[in-house]
Amino acid sequence: MAENAANRFVGKRQDIQAFIDRYTHTYVSEASDANVKAMAGEVMSTGIKLMDACHVSCAILAGCRYFITTDKRLLKYRSERINMVNPVTFIVEMEDKT
């Protein structure tokens, strides 16, 4: 949320917020803070930066199967707990399942 609030492009910020509002099904609360920090530390040990490591950790703790990104560094992260994919790969995978 803080990262989106800092987006200097009003239209993009509003679009992202609308997406979040529509598609966020699980909230990782402050009660999970210690778990997020511990997991983020593990993720960061692979070269991922703090904010991205927190995003990945929250997705894992929320039970997400996929983390969709265009960030090349994040796409290199490997874990049995979550699939890191770009948007095109995600769409192709979902189409193959139907």
PDB file of N, CA and C in Angstrom:
ATOM      1  N   MET A   1       0.817  -1.182   0.000  1.00  0.00           N
ATOM      2  CA  MET A   1       0.000   0.000   0.000  1.00  0.00           C
ATOM      3  C   MET A   1       0.871   1.260   0.000  1.00  0.00           C
ATOM      4  N   ALA A   2       1.889   1.269   0.842  1.00  0.00           N
ATOM      5  CA  ALA A   2       2.752   2.447   0.914  1.00  0.00           C
ATOM      6  C   ALA A   2       3.491   2.658  -0.396  1.00  0.00           C
ATOM      7  N   GLU A   3       3.888   1.573  -1.025  1.00  0.00           N
ATOM      8  CA  GLU A   3       4.609   1.688  -2.290  1.00  0.00           C
ATOM      9  C   GLU A   3       3.703   2.291  -3.365  1.00  0.00           C
ATOM     10  N   ASN A   4       2.456   1.856  -3.414  1.00  0.00           N
ATOM     11  CA  ASN A   4       1.529   2.406  -4.400  1.00  0.00           C
ATOM     12  C   ASN A   4       1.211   3.859  -4.085  1.00  0.00           C
ATOM     13  N   ALA A   5       1.069   4.200  -2.820  1.00  0.00           N
ATOM     14  CA  ALA A   5       0.774   5.583  -2.433  1.00  0.00           C
ATOM     15  C   ALA A   5       1.888   6.533  -2.872  1.00  0.00           C
ATOM     16  N   ALA A   6       3.103   6.009  -2.997  1.00  0.00           N
ATOM     17  CA  ALA A   6       4.237   6.834  -3.400  1.00  0.00           C
ATOM     18  C   ALA A   6       4.351   6.972  -4.919  1.00  0.00           C
ATOM     19  N   ASN A   7       3.496   6.281  -5.651  1.00  0.00           N
ATOM     20  CA  ASN A   7       3.534   6.348  -7.117  1.00  0.00           C
ATOM     21  C   ASN A   7       3.162   7.761  -7.563  1.00  0.00           C
ATOM     22  N   ARG A   8       4.029   8.399  -8.307  1.00  0.00           N
ATOM     23  CA  ARG A   8       3.805   9.791  -8.713  1.00  0.00           C
ATOM     24  C   ARG A   8       2.816   9.931  -9.865  1.00  0.00           C
ATOM     25  N   PHE A   9       2.461   8.829 -10.493  1.00  0.00           N
ATOM     26  CA  PHE A   9       1.514   8.853 -11.597  1.00  0.00           C
ATOM     27  C   PHE A   9       0.113   8.554 -11.069  1.00  0.00           C
ATOM     28  N   VAL A  10      -0.711   9.583 -11.001  1.00  0.00           N
ATOM     29  CA  VAL A  10      -2.034   9.473 -10.387  1.00  0.00           C
ATOM     30  C   VAL A  10      -2.877   8.375 -11.031  1.00  0.00           C
ATOM     31  N   GLY A  11      -2.914   8.331 -12.343  1.00  0.00           N
ATOM     32  CA  GLY A  11      -3.712   7.331 -13.045  1.00  0.00           C
ATOM     33  C   GLY A  11      -3.283   5.913 -12.724  1.00  0.00           C
ATOM     34  N   LYS A  12      -1.976   5.680 -12.754  1.00  0.00           N
ATOM     35  CA  LYS A  12      -1.450   4.355 -12.432  1.00  0.00           C
ATOM     36  C   LYS A  12      -1.751   4.005 -10.982  1.00  0.00           C
ATOM     37  N   ARG A  13      -1.561   4.977 -10.091  1.00  0.00           N
ATOM     38  CA  ARG A  13      -1.826   4.760  -8.664  1.00  0.00           C
ATOM     39  C   ARG A  13      -3.287   4.355  -8.457  1.00  0.00           C
ATOM     40  N   GLN A  14      -4.207   5.043  -9.139  1.00  0.00           N
ATOM     41  CA  GLN A  14      -5.637   4.737  -9.004  1.00  0.00           C
ATOM     42  C   GLN A  14      -5.963   3.362  -9.594  1.00  0.00           C
ATOM     43  N   ASP A  15      -5.366   3.039 -10.734  1.00  0.00           N
ATOM     44  CA  ASP A  15      -5.601   1.734 -11.358  1.00  0.00           C
ATOM     45  C   ASP A  15      -5.102   0.597 -10.468  1.00  0.00           C
ATOM     46  N   ILE A  16      -3.922   0.778  -9.907  1.00  0.00           N
ATOM     47  CA  ILE A  16      -3.359  -0.250  -9.022  1.00  0.00           C
ATOM     48  C   ILE A  16      -4.221  -0.402  -7.782  1.00  0.00           C
ATOM     49  N   GLN A  17      -4.657   0.716  -7.217  1.00  0.00           N
ATOM     50  CA  GLN A  17      -5.503   0.641  -6.029  1.00  0.00           C
ATOM     51  C   GLN A  17      -6.828  -0.046  -6.338  1.00  0.00           C
ATOM     52  N   ALA A  18      -7.407   0.238  -7.496  1.00  0.00           N
ATOM     53  CA  ALA A  18      -8.657  -0.417  -7.893  1.00  0.00           C
ATOM     54  C   ALA A  18      -8.449  -1.926  -8.037  1.00  0.00           C
ATOM     55  N   PHE A  19      -7.313  -2.307  -8.608  1.00  0.00           N
ATOM     56  CA  PHE A  19      -6.984  -3.729  -8.740  1.00  0.00           C
ATOM     57  C   PHE A  19      -6.861  -4.375  -7.365  1.00  0.00           C
ATOM     58  N   ILE A  20      -6.133  -3.722  -6.475  1.00  0.00           N
ATOM     59  CA  ILE A  20      -5.962  -4.240  -5.117  1.00  0.00           C
ATOM     60  C   ILE A  20      -7.320  -4.393  -4.429  1.00  0.00           C
ATOM     61  N   ASP A  21      -8.144  -3.368  -4.536  1.00  0.00           N
ATOM     62  CA  ASP A  21      -9.463  -3.402  -3.894  1.00  0.00           C
ATOM     63  C   ASP A  21     -10.333  -4.541  -4.432  1.00  0.00           C
ATOM     64  N   ARG A  22     -10.222  -4.785  -5.718  1.00  0.00           N
ATOM     65  CA  ARG A  22     -11.069  -5.800  -6.340  1.00  0.00           C
ATOM     66  C   ARG A  22     -10.569  -7.218  -6.108  1.00  0.00           C
ATOM     67  N   TYR A  23      -9.247  -7.413  -6.121  1.00  0.00           N
ATOM     68  CA  TYR A  23      -8.719  -8.765  -6.140  1.00  0.00           C
ATOM     69  C   TYR A  23      -8.007  -9.220  -4.861  1.00  0.00           C
ATOM     70  N   THR A  24      -7.907  -8.376  -3.869  1.00  0.00           N
ATOM     71  CA  THR A  24      -7.243  -8.795  -2.637  1.00  0.00           C
ATOM     72  C   THR A  24      -8.219  -9.624  -1.810  1.00  0.00           C
ATOM     73  N   HIS A  25      -7.881 -10.882  -1.619  1.00  0.00           N
ATOM     74  CA  HIS A  25      -8.757 -11.783  -0.877  1.00  0.00           C
ATOM     75  C   HIS A  25      -8.206 -12.117   0.500  1.00  0.00           C
ATOM     76  N   THR A  26      -6.942 -11.943   0.675  1.00  0.00           N
ATOM     77  CA  THR A  26      -6.314 -12.287   1.943  1.00  0.00           C
ATOM     78  C   THR A  26      -5.462 -11.132   2.398  1.00  0.00           C
ATOM     79  N   TYR A  27      -5.584 -10.817   3.652  1.00  0.00           N
ATOM     80  CA  TYR A  27      -4.814  -9.726   4.231  1.00  0.00           C
ATOM     81  C   TYR A  27      -3.824 -10.316   5.217  1.00  0.00           C
ATOM     82  N   VAL A  28      -2.551  -9.993   5.060  1.00  0.00           N
ATOM     83  CA  VAL A  28      -1.529 -10.441   5.993  1.00  0.00           C
ATOM     84  C   VAL A  28      -1.402  -9.336   7.031  1.00  0.00           C
ATOM     85  N   SER A  29      -1.911  -9.592   8.221  1.00  0.00           N
ATOM     86  CA  SER A  29      -2.013  -8.560   9.246  1.00  0.00           C
ATOM     87  C   SER A  29      -0.691  -8.308   9.954  1.00  0.00           C
ATOM     88  N   GLU A  30      -0.693  -7.261  10.774  1.00  0.00           N
ATOM     89  CA  GLU A  30       0.485  -6.936  11.571  1.00  0.00           C
ATOM     90  C   GLU A  30       0.835  -8.055  12.544  1.00  0.00           C
ATOM     91  N   ALA A  31      -0.140  -8.891  12.862  1.00  0.00           N
ATOM     92  CA  ALA A  31       0.126 -10.032  13.746  1.00  0.00           C
ATOM     93  C   ALA A  31       1.111 -11.008  13.104  1.00  0.00           C
ATOM     94  N   SER A  32       1.220 -10.957  11.785  1.00  0.00           N
ATOM     95  CA  SER A  32       2.144 -11.826  11.044  1.00  0.00           C
ATOM     96  C   SER A  32       3.507 -11.183  10.836  1.00  0.00           C
ATOM     97  N   ASP A  33       3.717 -10.021  11.428  1.00  0.00           N
ATOM     98  CA  ASP A  33       4.934  -9.237  11.183  1.00  0.00           C
ATOM     99  C   ASP A  33       6.213 -10.040  11.412  1.00  0.00           C
ATOM    100  N   ALA A  34       6.284 -10.766  12.500  1.00  0.00           N
ATOM    101  CA  ALA A  34       7.501 -11.532  12.796  1.00  0.00           C
ATOM    102  C   ALA A  34       7.738 -12.602  11.734  1.00  0.00           C
ATOM    103  N   ASN A  35       6.666 -13.259  11.295  1.00  0.00           N
ATOM    104  CA  ASN A  35       6.792 -14.282  10.252  1.00  0.00           C
ATOM    105  C   ASN A  35       7.222 -13.669   8.927  1.00  0.00           C
ATOM    106  N   VAL A  36       6.649 -12.509   8.599  1.00  0.00           N
ATOM    107  CA  VAL A  36       7.024 -11.825   7.358  1.00  0.00           C
ATOM    108  C   VAL A  36       8.497 -11.444   7.404  1.00  0.00           C
ATOM    109  N   LYS A  37       8.931 -10.868   8.526  1.00  0.00           N
ATOM    110  CA  LYS A  37      10.335 -10.451   8.650  1.00  0.00           C
ATOM    111  C   LYS A  37      11.284 -11.632   8.543  1.00  0.00           C
ATOM    112  N   ALA A  38      10.948 -12.734   9.205  1.00  0.00           N
ATOM    113  CA  ALA A  38      11.814 -13.915   9.157  1.00  0.00           C
ATOM    114  C   ALA A  38      11.905 -14.460   7.735  1.00  0.00           C
ATOM    115  N   MET A  39      10.751 -14.578   7.084  1.00  0.00           N
ATOM    116  CA  MET A  39      10.743 -15.100   5.724  1.00  0.00           C
ATOM    117  C   MET A  39      11.430 -14.127   4.770  1.00  0.00           C
ATOM    118  N   ALA A  40      11.197 -12.827   4.957  1.00  0.00           N
ATOM    119  CA  ALA A  40      11.835 -11.820   4.105  1.00  0.00           C
ATOM    120  C   ALA A  40      13.352 -11.914   4.219  1.00  0.00           C
ATOM    121  N   GLY A  41      13.844 -12.203   5.413  1.00  0.00           N
ATOM    122  CA  GLY A  41      15.287 -12.382   5.597  1.00  0.00           C
ATOM    123  C   GLY A  41      15.821 -13.519   4.751  1.00  0.00           C
ATOM    124  N   GLU A  42      15.065 -14.624   4.708  1.00  0.00           N
ATOM    125  CA  GLU A  42      15.453 -15.764   3.878  1.00  0.00           C
ATOM    126  C   GLU A  42      15.469 -15.374   2.402  1.00  0.00           C
ATOM    127  N   VAL A  43      14.417 -14.665   1.981  1.00  0.00           N
ATOM    128  CA  VAL A  43      14.312 -14.261   0.579  1.00  0.00           C
ATOM    129  C   VAL A  43      15.437 -13.294   0.230  1.00  0.00           C
ATOM    130  N   MET A  44      15.726 -12.353   1.124  1.00  0.00           N
ATOM    131  CA  MET A  44      16.783 -11.370   0.878  1.00  0.00           C
ATOM    132  C   MET A  44      18.153 -12.025   0.761  1.00  0.00           C
ATOM    133  N   SER A  45      18.345 -13.160   1.407  1.00  0.00           N
ATOM    134  CA  SER A  45      19.639 -13.841   1.333  1.00  0.00           C
ATOM    135  C   SER A  45      19.942 -14.335  -0.080  1.00  0.00           C
ATOM    136  N   THR A  46      18.933 -14.316  -0.950  1.00  0.00           N
ATOM    137  CA  THR A  46      19.130 -14.724  -2.348  1.00  0.00           C
ATOM    138  C   THR A  46      19.373 -13.531  -3.259  1.00  0.00           C
ATOM    139  N   GLY A  47      19.458 -12.319  -2.682  1.00  0.00           N
ATOM    140  CA  GLY A  47      19.746 -11.129  -3.473  1.00  0.00           C
ATOM    141  C   GLY A  47      18.545 -10.248  -3.750  1.00  0.00           C
ATOM    142  N   ILE A  48      17.382 -10.610  -3.222  1.00  0.00           N
ATOM    143  CA  ILE A  48      16.168  -9.818  -3.413  1.00  0.00           C
ATOM    144  C   ILE A  48      16.183  -8.666  -2.411  1.00  0.00           C
ATOM    145  N   LYS A  49      15.753  -7.484  -2.854  1.00  0.00           N
ATOM    146  CA  LYS A  49      15.737  -6.303  -1.986  1.00  0.00           C
ATOM    147  C   LYS A  49      14.583  -6.371  -0.989  1.00  0.00           C
ATOM    148  N   LEU A  50      14.686  -5.568   0.078  1.00  0.00           N
ATOM    149  CA  LEU A  50      13.764  -5.626   1.214  1.00  0.00           C
ATOM    150  C   LEU A  50      12.289  -5.560   0.824  1.00  0.00           C
ATOM    151  N   MET A  51      11.853  -4.517   0.120  1.00  0.00           N
ATOM    152  CA  MET A  51      10.429  -4.377  -0.196  1.00  0.00           C
ATOM    153  C   MET A  51       9.923  -5.552  -1.031  1.00  0.00           C
ATOM    154  N   ASP A  52      10.708  -5.974  -2.004  1.00  0.00           N
ATOM    155  CA  ASP A  52      10.307  -7.115  -2.826  1.00  0.00           C
ATOM    156  C   ASP A  52      10.260  -8.394  -1.993  1.00  0.00           C
ATOM    157  N   ALA A  53      11.220  -8.561  -1.101  1.00  0.00           N
ATOM    158  CA  ALA A  53      11.245  -9.740  -0.223  1.00  0.00           C
ATOM    159  C   ALA A  53      10.010  -9.757   0.674  1.00  0.00           C
ATOM    160  N   CYS A  54       9.602  -8.596   1.150  1.00  0.00           N
ATOM    161  CA  CYS A  54       8.383  -8.513   1.963  1.00  0.00           C
ATOM    162  C   CYS A  54       7.152  -8.858   1.143  1.00  0.00           C
ATOM    163  N   HIS A  55       7.096  -8.388  -0.102  1.00  0.00           N
ATOM    164  CA  HIS A  55       5.966  -8.710  -0.978  1.00  0.00           C
ATOM    165  C   HIS A  55       5.877 -10.216  -1.216  1.00  0.00           C
ATOM    166  N   VAL A  56       7.007 -10.833  -1.531  1.00  0.00           N
ATOM    167  CA  VAL A  56       7.033 -12.273  -1.781  1.00  0.00           C
ATOM    168  C   VAL A  56       6.638 -13.021  -0.511  1.00  0.00           C
ATOM    169  N   SER A  57       7.171 -12.612   0.625  1.00  0.00           N
ATOM    170  CA  SER A  57       6.861 -13.266   1.895  1.00  0.00           C
ATOM    171  C   SER A  57       5.377 -13.179   2.222  1.00  0.00           C
ATOM    172  N   CYS A  58       4.788 -12.014   2.026  1.00  0.00           N
ATOM    173  CA  CYS A  58       3.352 -11.852   2.281  1.00  0.00           C
ATOM    174  C   CYS A  58       2.531 -12.745   1.349  1.00  0.00           C
ATOM    175  N   ALA A  59       2.942 -12.840   0.107  1.00  0.00           N
ATOM    176  CA  ALA A  59       2.219 -13.693  -0.842  1.00  0.00           C
ATOM    177  C   ALA A  59       2.282 -15.154  -0.406  1.00  0.00           C
ATOM    178  N   ILE A  60       3.442 -15.581   0.041  1.00  0.00           N
ATOM    179  CA  ILE A  60       3.596 -16.959   0.512  1.00  0.00           C
ATOM    180  C   ILE A  60       2.721 -17.182   1.745  1.00  0.00           C
ATOM    181  N   LEU A  61       2.788 -16.274   2.707  1.00  0.00           N
ATOM    182  CA  LEU A  61       2.001 -16.418   3.926  1.00  0.00           C
ATOM    183  C   LEU A  61       0.500 -16.339   3.665  1.00  0.00           C
ATOM    184  N   ALA A  62       0.102 -15.643   2.606  1.00  0.00           N
ATOM    185  CA  ALA A  62      -1.314 -15.547   2.246  1.00  0.00           C
ATOM    186  C   ALA A  62      -1.786 -16.792   1.491  1.00  0.00           C
ATOM    187  N   GLY A  63      -0.855 -17.673   1.171  1.00  0.00           N
ATOM    188  CA  GLY A  63      -1.225 -18.905   0.485  1.00  0.00           C
ATOM    189  C   GLY A  63      -1.321 -18.786  -1.023  1.00  0.00           C
ATOM    190  N   CYS A  64      -0.710 -17.763  -1.581  1.00  0.00           N
ATOM    191  CA  CYS A  64      -0.731 -17.588  -3.034  1.00  0.00           C
ATOM    192  C   CYS A  64       0.095 -18.675  -3.707  1.00  0.00           C
ATOM    193  N   ARG A  65      -0.382 -19.142  -4.822  1.00  0.00           N
ATOM    194  CA  ARG A  65       0.383 -20.119  -5.602  1.00  0.00           C
ATOM    195  C   ARG A  65       1.300 -19.442  -6.597  1.00  0.00           C
ATOM    196  N   TYR A  66       0.932 -18.218  -7.016  1.00  0.00           N
ATOM    197  CA  TYR A  66       1.696 -17.487  -8.023  1.00  0.00           C
ATOM    198  C   TYR A  66       2.032 -16.083  -7.522  1.00  0.00           C
ATOM    199  N   PHE A  67       3.205 -15.601  -7.942  1.00  0.00           N
ATOM    200  CA  PHE A  67       3.604 -14.211  -7.745  1.00  0.00           C
ATOM    201  C   PHE A  67       3.898 -13.695  -9.144  1.00  0.00           C
ATOM    202  N   ILE A  68       3.086 -12.764  -9.597  1.00  0.00           N
ATOM    203  CA  ILE A  68       3.198 -12.251 -10.962  1.00  0.00           C
ATOM    204  C   ILE A  68       3.992 -10.962 -10.950  1.00  0.00           C
ATOM    205  N   THR A  69       5.062 -10.920 -11.749  1.00  0.00           N
ATOM    206  CA  THR A  69       5.941  -9.756 -11.780  1.00  0.00           C
ATOM    207  C   THR A  69       6.634  -9.650 -13.128  1.00  0.00           C
ATOM    208  N   THR A  70       7.085  -8.441 -13.430  1.00  0.00           N
ATOM    209  CA  THR A  70       7.926  -8.248 -14.615  1.00  0.00           C
ATOM    210  C   THR A  70       9.365  -7.956 -14.193  1.00  0.00           C
ATOM    211  N   ASP A  71       9.622  -7.976 -12.907  1.00  0.00           N
ATOM    212  CA  ASP A  71      10.944  -7.695 -12.363  1.00  0.00           C
ATOM    213  C   ASP A  71      11.861  -8.905 -12.604  1.00  0.00           C
ATOM    214  N   LYS A  72      12.868  -8.725 -13.431  1.00  0.00           N
ATOM    215  CA  LYS A  72      13.747  -9.838 -13.809  1.00  0.00           C
ATOM    216  C   LYS A  72      14.464 -10.452 -12.610  1.00  0.00           C
ATOM    217  N   ARG A  73      14.847  -9.633 -11.650  1.00  0.00           N
ATOM    218  CA  ARG A  73      15.513 -10.156 -10.460  1.00  0.00           C
ATOM    219  C   ARG A  73      14.561 -11.060  -9.666  1.00  0.00           C
ATOM    220  N   LEU A  74      13.320 -10.626  -9.522  1.00  0.00           N
ATOM    221  CA  LEU A  74      12.344 -11.439  -8.796  1.00  0.00           C
ATOM    222  C   LEU A  74      12.021 -12.733  -9.545  1.00  0.00           C
ATOM    223  N   LEU A  75      11.983 -12.664 -10.855  1.00  0.00           N
ATOM    224  CA  LEU A  75      11.681 -13.859 -11.641  1.00  0.00           C
ATOM    225  C   LEU A  75      12.751 -14.933 -11.483  1.00  0.00           C
ATOM    226  N   LYS A  76      13.946 -14.558 -11.067  1.00  0.00           N
ATOM    227  CA  LYS A  76      15.021 -15.529 -10.846  1.00  0.00           C
ATOM    228  C   LYS A  76      14.891 -16.238  -9.504  1.00  0.00           C
ATOM    229  N   TYR A  77      14.092 -15.662  -8.581  1.00  0.00           N
ATOM    230  CA  TYR A  77      13.917 -16.266  -7.261  1.00  0.00           C
ATOM    231  C   TYR A  77      13.168 -17.588  -7.406  1.00  0.00           C
ATOM    232  N   ARG A  78      13.667 -18.619  -6.778  1.00  0.00           N
ATOM    233  CA  ARG A  78      13.054 -19.942  -6.839  1.00  0.00           C
ATOM    234  C   ARG A  78      12.672 -20.407  -5.446  1.00  0.00           C
ATOM    235  N   SER A  79      11.461 -20.948  -5.348  1.00  0.00           N
ATOM    236  CA  SER A  79      10.972 -21.481  -4.084  1.00  0.00           C
ATOM    237  C   SER A  79       9.912 -22.522  -4.386  1.00  0.00           C
ATOM    238  N   GLU A  80       9.862 -23.556  -3.573  1.00  0.00           N
ATOM    239  CA  GLU A  80       8.815 -24.552  -3.710  1.00  0.00           C
ATOM    240  C   GLU A  80       7.489 -24.017  -3.179  1.00  0.00           C
ATOM    241  N   ARG A  81       7.536 -22.889  -2.460  1.00  0.00           N
ATOM    242  CA  ARG A  81       6.338 -22.347  -1.817  1.00  0.00           C
ATOM    243  C   ARG A  81       5.508 -21.453  -2.730  1.00  0.00           C
ATOM    244  N   ILE A  82       6.104 -20.963  -3.837  1.00  0.00           N
ATOM    245  CA  ILE A  82       5.382 -20.041  -4.721  1.00  0.00           C
ATOM    246  C   ILE A  82       6.015 -20.073  -6.111  1.00  0.00           C
ATOM    247  N   ASN A  83       5.197 -19.871  -7.128  1.00  0.00           N
ATOM    248  CA  ASN A  83       5.679 -19.831  -8.515  1.00  0.00           C
ATOM    249  C   ASN A  83       5.865 -18.375  -8.930  1.00  0.00           C
ATOM    250  N   MET A  84       7.065 -18.018  -9.292  1.00  0.00           N
ATOM    251  CA  MET A  84       7.366 -16.669  -9.769  1.00  0.00           C
ATOM    252  C   MET A  84       7.204 -16.683 -11.284  1.00  0.00           C
ATOM    253  N   VAL A  85       6.267 -15.871 -11.786  1.00  0.00           N
ATOM    254  CA  VAL A  85       5.990 -15.868 -13.222  1.00  0.00           C
ATOM    255  C   VAL A  85       5.765 -14.451 -13.726  1.00  0.00           C
ATOM    256  N   ASN A  86       6.010 -14.263 -15.018  1.00  0.00           N
ATOM    257  CA  ASN A  86       5.654 -12.984 -15.633  1.00  0.00           C
ATOM    258  C   ASN A  86       4.189 -13.081 -16.077  1.00  0.00           C
ATOM    259  N   PRO A  87       3.555 -11.965 -16.388  1.00  0.00           N
ATOM    260  CA  PRO A  87       2.131 -12.001 -16.739  1.00  0.00           C
ATOM    261  C   PRO A  87       1.796 -12.916 -17.916  1.00  0.00           C
ATOM    262  N   VAL A  88       2.650 -12.933 -18.931  1.00  0.00           N
ATOM    263  CA  VAL A  88       2.384 -13.768 -20.106  1.00  0.00           C
ATOM    264  C   VAL A  88       2.422 -15.249 -19.732  1.00  0.00           C
ATOM    265  N   THR A  89       3.436 -15.642 -18.985  1.00  0.00           N
ATOM    266  CA  THR A  89       3.543 -17.040 -18.551  1.00  0.00           C
ATOM    267  C   THR A  89       2.333 -17.435 -17.716  1.00  0.00           C
ATOM    268  N   PHE A  90       1.893 -16.543 -16.839  1.00  0.00           N
ATOM    269  CA  PHE A  90       0.734 -16.823 -16.002  1.00  0.00           C
ATOM    270  C   PHE A  90      -0.507 -17.067 -16.866  1.00  0.00           C
ATOM    271  N   ILE A  91      -0.732 -16.202 -17.839  1.00  0.00           N
ATOM    272  CA  ILE A  91      -1.911 -16.351 -18.711  1.00  0.00           C
ATOM    273  C   ILE A  91      -1.841 -17.666 -19.478  1.00  0.00           C
ATOM    274  N   VAL A  92      -0.675 -17.984 -20.027  1.00  0.00           N
ATOM    275  CA  VAL A  92      -0.518 -19.227 -20.777  1.00  0.00           C
ATOM    276  C   VAL A  92      -0.780 -20.424 -19.873  1.00  0.00           C
ATOM    277  N   GLU A  93      -0.244 -20.416 -18.666  1.00  0.00           N
ATOM    278  CA  GLU A  93      -0.471 -21.515 -17.728  1.00  0.00           C
ATOM    279  C   GLU A  93      -1.944 -21.665 -17.376  1.00  0.00           C
ATOM    280  N   MET A  94      -2.610 -20.555 -17.166  1.00  0.00           N
ATOM    281  CA  MET A  94      -4.033 -20.598 -16.821  1.00  0.00           C
ATOM    282  C   MET A  94      -4.867 -21.080 -17.997  1.00  0.00           C
ATOM    283  N   GLU A  95      -4.509 -20.670 -19.203  1.00  0.00           N
ATOM    284  CA  GLU A  95      -5.231 -21.135 -20.396  1.00  0.00           C
ATOM    285  C   GLU A  95      -5.038 -22.629 -20.607  1.00  0.00           C
ATOM    286  N   ASP A  96      -3.840 -23.128 -20.302  1.00  0.00           N
ATOM    287  CA  ASP A  96      -3.557 -24.562 -20.444  1.00  0.00           C
ATOM    288  C   ASP A  96      -4.364 -25.396 -19.465  1.00  0.00           C
ATOM    289  N   LYS A  97      -4.760 -24.801 -18.330  1.00  0.00           N
ATOM    290  CA  LYS A  97      -5.527 -25.534 -17.314  1.00  0.00           C
ATOM    291  C   LYS A  97      -7.018 -25.572 -17.620  1.00  0.00           C
ATOM    292  N   THR A  98      -7.459 -24.780 -18.588  1.00  0.00           N
ATOM    293  CA  THR A  98      -8.895 -24.766 -18.909  1.00  0.00           C
ATOM    294  C   THR A  98      -9.229 -25.648 -20.071  1.00  0.00           C
TER     295      THR A  98
END
